[in-house]
PDB file of N, CA and C in Angstrom:
ATOM      1  N   MET A   1     224.725 140.038 150.746  1.00  0.00           N
ATOM      2  CA  MET A   1     223.922 138.930 151.194  1.00  0.00           C
ATOM      3  C   MET A   1     224.757 137.667 151.369  1.00  0.00           C
ATOM      4  N   ALA A   2     225.756 137.491 150.522  1.00  0.00           N
ATOM      5  CA  ALA A   2     226.604 136.313 150.653  1.00  0.00           C
ATOM      6  C   ALA A   2     227.377 136.353 151.973  1.00  0.00           C
ATOM      7  N   THR A   3     227.817 137.541 152.372  1.00  0.00           N
ATOM      8  CA  THR A   3     228.525 137.676 153.645  1.00  0.00           C
ATOM      9  C   THR A   3     227.592 137.343 154.800  1.00  0.00           C
ATOM     10  N   ALA A   4     226.369 137.816 154.713  1.00  0.00           N
ATOM     11  CA  ALA A   4     225.380 137.514 155.756  1.00  0.00           C
ATOM     12  C   ALA A   4     225.115 136.013 155.809  1.00  0.00           C
ATOM     13  N   SER A   5     224.989 135.390 154.645  1.00  0.00           N
ATOM     14  CA  SER A   5     224.753 133.950 154.598  1.00  0.00           C
ATOM     15  C   SER A   5     225.894 133.186 155.260  1.00  0.00           C
ATOM     16  N   SER A   6     227.120 133.585 154.960  1.00  0.00           N
ATOM     17  CA  SER A   6     228.283 132.925 155.569  1.00  0.00           C
ATOM     18  C   SER A   6     228.268 133.079 157.081  1.00  0.00           C
ATOM     19  N   GLY A   7     227.871 134.257 157.540  1.00  0.00           N
ATOM     20  CA  GLY A   7     227.780 134.494 158.979  1.00  0.00           C
ATOM     21  C   GLY A   7     226.727 133.615 159.637  1.00  0.00           C
ATOM     22  N   TRP A   8     225.542 133.543 159.019  1.00  0.00           N
ATOM     23  CA  TRP A   8     224.476 132.683 159.557  1.00  0.00           C
ATOM     24  C   TRP A   8     224.909 131.230 159.554  1.00  0.00           C
ATOM     25  N   LEU A   9     225.608 130.824 158.502  1.00  0.00           N
ATOM     26  CA  LEU A   9     226.071 129.442 158.400  1.00  0.00           C
ATOM     27  C   LEU A   9     227.038 129.117 159.530  1.00  0.00           C
ATOM     28  N   GLU A  10     227.939 130.042 159.815  1.00  0.00           N
ATOM     29  CA  GLU A  10     228.894 129.831 160.913  1.00  0.00           C
ATOM     30  C   GLU A  10     228.175 129.739 162.250  1.00  0.00           C
ATOM     31  N   VAL A  11     227.233 130.627 162.490  1.00  0.00           N
ATOM     32  CA  VAL A  11     226.478 130.588 163.753  1.00  0.00           C
ATOM     33  C   VAL A  11     225.713 129.276 163.872  1.00  0.00           C
ATOM     34  N   SER A  12     225.138 128.815 162.762  1.00  0.00           N
ATOM     35  CA  SER A  12     224.373 127.561 162.816  1.00  0.00           C
ATOM     36  C   SER A  12     225.247 126.375 163.202  1.00  0.00           C
ATOM     37  N   ARG A  13     226.533 126.480 162.896  1.00  0.00           N
ATOM     38  CA  ARG A  13     227.454 125.377 163.210  1.00  0.00           C
ATOM     39  C   ARG A  13     227.931 125.395 164.656  1.00  0.00           C
ATOM     40  N   VAL A  14     227.884 126.545 165.308  1.00  0.00           N
ATOM     41  CA  VAL A  14     228.409 126.629 166.678  1.00  0.00           C
ATOM     42  C   VAL A  14     227.325 126.824 167.736  1.00  0.00           C
ATOM     43  N   ASP A  15     226.088 127.065 167.320  1.00  0.00           N
ATOM     44  CA  ASP A  15     225.001 127.313 168.261  1.00  0.00           C
ATOM     45  C   ASP A  15     223.878 126.303 168.039  1.00  0.00           C
ATOM     46  N   PRO A  16     223.940 125.163 168.727  1.00  0.00           N
ATOM     47  CA  PRO A  16     222.953 124.113 168.479  1.00  0.00           C
ATOM     48  C   PRO A  16     221.511 124.518 168.803  1.00  0.00           C
ATOM     49  N   PHE A  17     221.336 125.478 169.696  1.00  0.00           N
ATOM     50  CA  PHE A  17     219.986 125.885 170.068  1.00  0.00           C
ATOM     51  C   PHE A  17     219.310 126.706 168.971  1.00  0.00           C
ATOM     52  N   ASN A  18     220.093 127.375 168.159  1.00  0.00           N
ATOM     53  CA  ASN A  18     219.560 128.224 167.092  1.00  0.00           C
ATOM     54  C   ASN A  18     219.968 127.750 165.701  1.00  0.00           C
ATOM     55  N   ALA A  19     220.485 126.539 165.620  1.00  0.00           N
ATOM     56  CA  ALA A  19     221.048 126.044 164.367  1.00  0.00           C
ATOM     57  C   ALA A  19     220.036 126.010 163.224  1.00  0.00           C
ATOM     58  N   VAL A  20     218.823 125.578 163.504  1.00  0.00           N
ATOM     59  CA  VAL A  20     217.834 125.469 162.426  1.00  0.00           C
ATOM     60  C   VAL A  20     217.444 126.855 161.913  1.00  0.00           C
ATOM     61  N   GLY A  21     217.156 127.785 162.810  1.00  0.00           N
ATOM     62  CA  GLY A  21     216.788 129.137 162.395  1.00  0.00           C
ATOM     63  C   GLY A  21     217.912 129.835 161.658  1.00  0.00           C
ATOM     64  N   CYS A  22     219.122 129.678 162.153  1.00  0.00           N
ATOM     65  CA  CYS A  22     220.280 130.301 161.487  1.00  0.00           C
ATOM     66  C   CYS A  22     220.558 129.628 160.147  1.00  0.00           C
ATOM     67  N   GLY A  23     220.352 128.318 160.085  1.00  0.00           N
ATOM     68  CA  GLY A  23     220.516 127.602 158.821  1.00  0.00           C
ATOM     69  C   GLY A  23     219.527 128.085 157.781  1.00  0.00           C
ATOM     70  N   PHE A  24     218.284 128.325 158.213  1.00  0.00           N
ATOM     71  CA  PHE A  24     217.275 128.873 157.314  1.00  0.00           C
ATOM     72  C   PHE A  24     217.730 130.216 156.760  1.00  0.00           C
ATOM     73  N   GLU A  25     218.204 131.088 157.637  1.00  0.00           N
ATOM     74  CA  GLU A  25     218.680 132.408 157.207  1.00  0.00           C
ATOM     75  C   GLU A  25     219.850 132.275 156.240  1.00  0.00           C
ATOM     76  N   ALA A  26     220.747 131.321 156.497  1.00  0.00           N
ATOM     77  CA  ALA A  26     221.897 131.116 155.609  1.00  0.00           C
ATOM     78  C   ALA A  26     221.441 130.714 154.209  1.00  0.00           C
ATOM     79  N   VAL A  27     220.458 129.819 154.140  1.00  0.00           N
ATOM     80  CA  VAL A  27     219.944 129.385 152.839  1.00  0.00           C
ATOM     81  C   VAL A  27     219.292 130.552 152.110  1.00  0.00           C
ATOM     82  N   VAL A  28     218.402 131.265 152.782  1.00  0.00           N
ATOM     83  CA  VAL A  28     217.679 132.365 152.147  1.00  0.00           C
ATOM     84  C   VAL A  28     218.643 133.444 151.666  1.00  0.00           C
ATOM     85  N   ASP A  29     219.596 133.823 152.498  1.00  0.00           N
ATOM     86  CA  ASP A  29     220.546 134.867 152.099  1.00  0.00           C
ATOM     87  C   ASP A  29     221.407 134.418 150.917  1.00  0.00           C
ATOM     88  N   ALA A  30     221.802 133.152 150.900  1.00  0.00           N
ATOM     89  CA  ALA A  30     222.586 132.645 149.760  1.00  0.00           C
ATOM     90  C   ALA A  30     221.750 132.679 148.483  1.00  0.00           C
ATOM     91  N   LEU A  31     220.469 132.341 148.601  1.00  0.00           N
ATOM     92  CA  LEU A  31     219.593 132.392 147.435  1.00  0.00           C
ATOM     93  C   LEU A  31     219.418 133.822 146.940  1.00  0.00           C
ATOM     94  N   LEU A  32     219.225 134.744 147.877  1.00  0.00           N
ATOM     95  CA  LEU A  32     219.074 136.151 147.494  1.00  0.00           C
ATOM     96  C   LEU A  32     220.341 136.688 146.842  1.00  0.00           C
ATOM     97  N   ALA A  33     221.487 136.199 147.287  1.00  0.00           N
ATOM     98  CA  ALA A  33     222.769 136.614 146.700  1.00  0.00           C
ATOM     99  C   ALA A  33     223.051 135.891 145.384  1.00  0.00           C
ATOM    100  N   ARG A  34     222.207 134.925 145.063  1.00  0.00           N
ATOM    101  CA  ARG A  34     222.385 134.087 143.870  1.00  0.00           C
ATOM    102  C   ARG A  34     223.747 133.394 143.875  1.00  0.00           C
ATOM    103  N   ASP A  35     224.146 132.959 145.069  1.00  0.00           N
ATOM    104  CA  ASP A  35     225.419 132.272 145.265  1.00  0.00           C
ATOM    105  C   ASP A  35     225.129 130.781 145.413  1.00  0.00           C
ATOM    106  N   GLN A  36     225.126 130.071 144.296  1.00  0.00           N
ATOM    107  CA  GLN A  36     224.744 128.666 144.316  1.00  0.00           C
ATOM    108  C   GLN A  36     225.656 127.797 145.180  1.00  0.00           C
ATOM    109  N   PRO A  37     226.983 127.921 145.090  1.00  0.00           N
ATOM    110  CA  PRO A  37     227.827 127.084 145.950  1.00  0.00           C
ATOM    111  C   PRO A  37     227.553 127.314 147.439  1.00  0.00           C
ATOM    112  N   LEU A  38     227.325 128.562 147.817  1.00  0.00           N
ATOM    113  CA  LEU A  38     227.024 128.859 149.213  1.00  0.00           C
ATOM    114  C   LEU A  38     225.666 128.296 149.608  1.00  0.00           C
ATOM    115  N   ALA A  39     224.697 128.383 148.706  1.00  0.00           N
ATOM    116  CA  ALA A  39     223.373 127.814 148.977  1.00  0.00           C
ATOM    117  C   ALA A  39     223.474 126.296 149.161  1.00  0.00           C
ATOM    118  N   VAL A  40     224.278 125.660 148.334  1.00  0.00           N
ATOM    119  CA  VAL A  40     224.478 124.208 148.452  1.00  0.00           C
ATOM    120  C   VAL A  40     225.086 123.874 149.818  1.00  0.00           C
ATOM    121  N   ASP A  41     226.088 124.639 150.241  1.00  0.00           N
ATOM    122  CA  ASP A  41     226.707 124.418 151.550  1.00  0.00           C
ATOM    123  C   ASP A  41     225.700 124.627 152.677  1.00  0.00           C
ATOM    124  N   ALA A  42     224.893 125.679 152.556  1.00  0.00           N
ATOM    125  CA  ALA A  42     223.913 125.984 153.597  1.00  0.00           C
ATOM    126  C   ALA A  42     222.852 124.890 153.685  1.00  0.00           C
ATOM    127  N   VAL A  43     222.390 124.398 152.542  1.00  0.00           N
ATOM    128  CA  VAL A  43     221.403 123.314 152.542  1.00  0.00           C
ATOM    129  C   VAL A  43     222.016 122.050 153.134  1.00  0.00           C
ATOM    130  N   ALA A  44     223.255 121.755 152.779  1.00  0.00           N
ATOM    131  CA  ALA A  44     223.919 120.569 153.328  1.00  0.00           C
ATOM    132  C   ALA A  44     224.041 120.672 154.842  1.00  0.00           C
ATOM    133  N   ALA A  45     224.398 121.853 155.328  1.00  0.00           N
ATOM    134  CA  ALA A  45     224.511 122.051 156.776  1.00  0.00           C
ATOM    135  C   ALA A  45     223.152 121.893 157.447  1.00  0.00           C
ATOM    136  N   LEU A  46     222.119 122.448 156.828  1.00  0.00           N
ATOM    137  CA  LEU A  46     220.773 122.336 157.385  1.00  0.00           C
ATOM    138  C   LEU A  46     220.312 120.886 157.372  1.00  0.00           C
ATOM    139  N   ASN A  47     220.558 120.180 156.288  1.00  0.00           N
ATOM    140  CA  ASN A  47     220.179 118.763 156.212  1.00  0.00           C
ATOM    141  C   ASN A  47     220.923 117.918 157.232  1.00  0.00           C
ATOM    142  N   SER A  48     222.168 118.286 157.521  1.00  0.00           N
ATOM    143  CA  SER A  48     222.962 117.499 158.472  1.00  0.00           C
ATOM    144  C   SER A  48     222.393 117.557 159.885  1.00  0.00           C
ATOM    145  N   LEU A  49     221.546 118.542 160.145  1.00  0.00           N
ATOM    146  CA  LEU A  49     220.927 118.650 161.472  1.00  0.00           C
ATOM    147  C   LEU A  49     219.856 117.590 161.679  1.00  0.00           C
ATOM    148  N   GLY A  50     219.328 117.078 160.579  1.00  0.00           N
ATOM    149  CA  GLY A  50     218.280 116.067 160.687  1.00  0.00           C
ATOM    150  C   GLY A  50     216.958 116.618 161.191  1.00  0.00           C
ATOM    151  N   SER A  51     216.774 117.898 161.077  1.00  0.00           N
ATOM    152  CA  SER A  51     215.556 118.532 161.572  1.00  0.00           C
ATOM    153  C   SER A  51     214.407 118.357 160.593  1.00  0.00           C
ATOM    154  N   HIS A  52     213.236 118.119 161.157  1.00  0.00           N
ATOM    155  CA  HIS A  52     212.016 118.058 160.356  1.00  0.00           C
ATOM    156  C   HIS A  52     211.147 119.279 160.613  1.00  0.00           C
ATOM    157  N   ALA A  53     211.744 120.302 161.207  1.00  0.00           N
ATOM    158  CA  ALA A  53     211.013 121.528 161.493  1.00  0.00           C
ATOM    159  C   ALA A  53     210.553 122.156 160.183  1.00  0.00           C
ATOM    160  N   ALA A  54     209.398 122.787 160.234  1.00  0.00           N
ATOM    161  CA  ALA A  54     208.825 123.391 159.020  1.00  0.00           C
ATOM    162  C   ALA A  54     209.781 124.397 158.386  1.00  0.00           C
ATOM    163  N   ILE A  55     210.477 125.161 159.188  1.00  0.00           N
ATOM    164  CA  ILE A  55     211.380 126.191 158.660  1.00  0.00           C
ATOM    165  C   ILE A  55     212.548 125.553 157.902  1.00  0.00           C
ATOM    166  N   ALA A  56     213.036 124.432 158.390  1.00  0.00           N
ATOM    167  CA  ALA A  56     214.127 123.736 157.701  1.00  0.00           C
ATOM    168  C   ALA A  56     213.635 123.142 156.390  1.00  0.00           C
ATOM    169  N   THR A  57     212.467 122.523 156.437  1.00  0.00           N
ATOM    170  CA  THR A  57     211.885 121.923 155.238  1.00  0.00           C
ATOM    171  C   THR A  57     211.629 122.979 154.172  1.00  0.00           C
ATOM    172  N   GLN A  58     211.107 124.121 154.580  1.00  0.00           N
ATOM    173  CA  GLN A  58     210.814 125.201 153.637  1.00  0.00           C
ATOM    174  C   GLN A  58     212.089 125.722 152.974  1.00  0.00           C
ATOM    175  N   ALA A  59     213.138 125.895 153.739  1.00  0.00           N
ATOM    176  CA  ALA A  59     214.399 126.392 153.185  1.00  0.00           C
ATOM    177  C   ALA A  59     214.946 125.431 152.135  1.00  0.00           C
ATOM    178  N   VAL A  60     214.905 124.144 152.423  1.00  0.00           N
ATOM    179  CA  VAL A  60     215.410 123.153 151.474  1.00  0.00           C
ATOM    180  C   VAL A  60     214.542 123.138 150.213  1.00  0.00           C
ATOM    181  N   ARG A  61     213.235 123.258 150.382  1.00  0.00           N
ATOM    182  CA  ARG A  61     212.345 123.290 149.216  1.00  0.00           C
ATOM    183  C   ARG A  61     212.619 124.518 148.347  1.00  0.00           C
ATOM    184  N   MET A  62     212.821 125.671 148.978  1.00  0.00           N
ATOM    185  CA  MET A  62     213.111 126.881 148.210  1.00  0.00           C
ATOM    186  C   MET A  62     214.400 126.719 147.434  1.00  0.00           C
ATOM    187  N   ALA A  63     215.418 126.202 148.093  1.00  0.00           N
ATOM    188  CA  ALA A  63     216.714 126.037 147.446  1.00  0.00           C
ATOM    189  C   ALA A  63     216.626 125.044 146.293  1.00  0.00           C
ATOM    190  N   THR A  64     215.854 123.993 146.490  1.00  0.00           N
ATOM    191  CA  THR A  64     215.684 122.997 145.430  1.00  0.00           C
ATOM    192  C   THR A  64     214.986 123.621 144.235  1.00  0.00           C
ATOM    193  N   LEU A  65     213.928 124.365 144.487  1.00  0.00           N
ATOM    194  CA  LEU A  65     213.179 125.000 143.405  1.00  0.00           C
ATOM    195  C   LEU A  65     214.025 126.017 142.660  1.00  0.00           C
ATOM    196  N   LEU A  66     214.714 126.873 143.381  1.00  0.00           N
ATOM    197  CA  LEU A  66     215.483 127.939 142.745  1.00  0.00           C
ATOM    198  C   LEU A  66     216.805 127.459 142.179  1.00  0.00           C
ATOM    199  N   GLY A  67     217.225 126.263 142.553  1.00  0.00           N
ATOM    200  CA  GLY A  67     218.500 125.757 142.083  1.00  0.00           C
ATOM    201  C   GLY A  67     218.384 124.718 140.984  1.00  0.00           C
ATOM    202  N   THR A  68     217.185 124.562 140.429  1.00  0.00           N
ATOM    203  CA  THR A  68     216.992 123.502 139.433  1.00  0.00           C
ATOM    204  C   THR A  68     217.610 123.816 138.087  1.00  0.00           C
ATOM    205  N   GLY A  69     217.844 125.085 137.803  1.00  0.00           N
ATOM    206  CA  GLY A  69     218.340 125.456 136.489  1.00  0.00           C
ATOM    207  C   GLY A  69     217.236 125.469 135.443  1.00  0.00           C
ATOM    208  N   ASP A  70     216.003 125.228 135.880  1.00  0.00           N
ATOM    209  CA  ASP A  70     214.859 125.266 134.969  1.00  0.00           C
ATOM    210  C   ASP A  70     214.722 126.692 134.433  1.00  0.00           C
ATOM    211  N   ALA A  71     214.725 126.827 133.151  1.00  0.00           N
ATOM    212  CA  ALA A  71     214.691 128.154 132.525  1.00  0.00           C
ATOM    213  C   ALA A  71     213.423 128.933 132.857  1.00  0.00           C
ATOM    214  N   THR A  72     212.391 128.270 133.326  1.00  0.00           N
ATOM    215  CA  THR A  72     211.140 128.973 133.643  1.00  0.00           C
ATOM    216  C   THR A  72     211.080 129.436 135.088  1.00  0.00           C
ATOM    217  N   VAL A  73     211.938 128.887 135.936  1.00  0.00           N
ATOM    218  CA  VAL A  73     211.849 129.209 137.363  1.00  0.00           C
ATOM    219  C   VAL A  73     212.307 130.633 137.658  1.00  0.00           C
ATOM    220  N   ARG A  74     213.504 131.008 137.227  1.00  0.00           N
ATOM    221  CA  ARG A  74     214.035 132.340 137.553  1.00  0.00           C
ATOM    222  C   ARG A  74     213.135 133.454 137.012  1.00  0.00           C
ATOM    223  N   PRO A  75     212.674 133.387 135.754  1.00  0.00           N
ATOM    224  CA  PRO A  75     211.768 134.443 135.284  1.00  0.00           C
ATOM    225  C   PRO A  75     210.457 134.495 136.085  1.00  0.00           C
ATOM    226  N   ALA A  76     209.964 133.349 136.512  1.00  0.00           N
ATOM    227  CA  ALA A  76     208.733 133.333 137.301  1.00  0.00           C
ATOM    228  C   ALA A  76     208.947 134.003 138.650  1.00  0.00           C
ATOM    229  N   VAL A  77     210.087 133.724 139.284  1.00  0.00           N
ATOM    230  CA  VAL A  77     210.391 134.352 140.571  1.00  0.00           C
ATOM    231  C   VAL A  77     210.564 135.851 140.386  1.00  0.00           C
ATOM    232  N   THR A  78     211.338 136.235 139.389  1.00  0.00           N
ATOM    233  CA  THR A  78     211.568 137.653 139.114  1.00  0.00           C
ATOM    234  C   THR A  78     210.247 138.355 138.789  1.00  0.00           C
ATOM    235  N   GLY A  79     209.413 137.722 137.959  1.00  0.00           N
ATOM    236  CA  GLY A  79     208.126 138.307 137.606  1.00  0.00           C
ATOM    237  C   GLY A  79     207.191 138.454 138.788  1.00  0.00           C
ATOM    238  N   SER A  80     207.292 137.536 139.748  1.00  0.00           N
ATOM    239  CA  SER A  80     206.417 137.602 140.911  1.00  0.00           C
ATOM    240  C   SER A  80     206.750 138.769 141.817  1.00  0.00           C
ATOM    241  N   ARG A  81     207.948 139.317 141.663  1.00  0.00           N
ATOM    242  CA  ARG A  81     208.376 140.454 142.467  1.00  0.00           C
ATOM    243  C   ARG A  81     207.870 141.775 141.906  1.00  0.00           C
ATOM    244  N   GLY A  82     207.336 141.751 140.715  1.00  0.00           N
ATOM    245  CA  GLY A  82     206.820 142.960 140.099  1.00  0.00           C
ATOM    246  C   GLY A  82     207.922 143.742 139.402  1.00  0.00           C
ATOM    247  N   SER A  83     207.526 144.667 138.622  1.00  0.00           N
ATOM    248  CA  SER A  83     208.466 145.475 137.871  1.00  0.00           C
ATOM    249  C   SER A  83     208.974 146.631 138.736  1.00  0.00           C
ATOM    250  N   SER A  84     210.275 146.832 138.743  1.00  0.00           N
ATOM    251  CA  SER A  84     210.842 147.946 139.518  1.00  0.00           C
ATOM    252  C   SER A  84     211.068 149.161 138.634  1.00  0.00           C
ATOM    253  N   SER A  85     210.813 149.021 137.355  1.00  0.00           N
ATOM    254  CA  SER A  85     211.006 150.161 136.463  1.00  0.00           C
ATOM    255  C   SER A  85     209.697 150.920 136.296  1.00  0.00           C
ATOM    256  N   GLY A  86     209.823 152.163 135.980  1.00  0.00           N
ATOM    257  CA  GLY A  86     208.600 152.893 135.694  1.00  0.00           C
ATOM    258  C   GLY A  86     208.514 154.240 136.277  1.00  0.00           C
TER     259      GLY A  86
END
């Protein structure tokens, strides 16, 4: 997922027509990979676009929520996915 995030981030930097959508994908993939430095870079790139599109806003909100370090956030996210054991 981190490799995918890096790829989306690169595309977002060179393709202005798809930058917001690719930036969103970069943020989500970095979050799924649990790669905080990459998520920070992806959010910074998305913010630099100055977009107020819903998809950009949502990506930044997700990254902010999942990157808070709040001890209750990660277990809540993991719990919301359901148990994979059984």
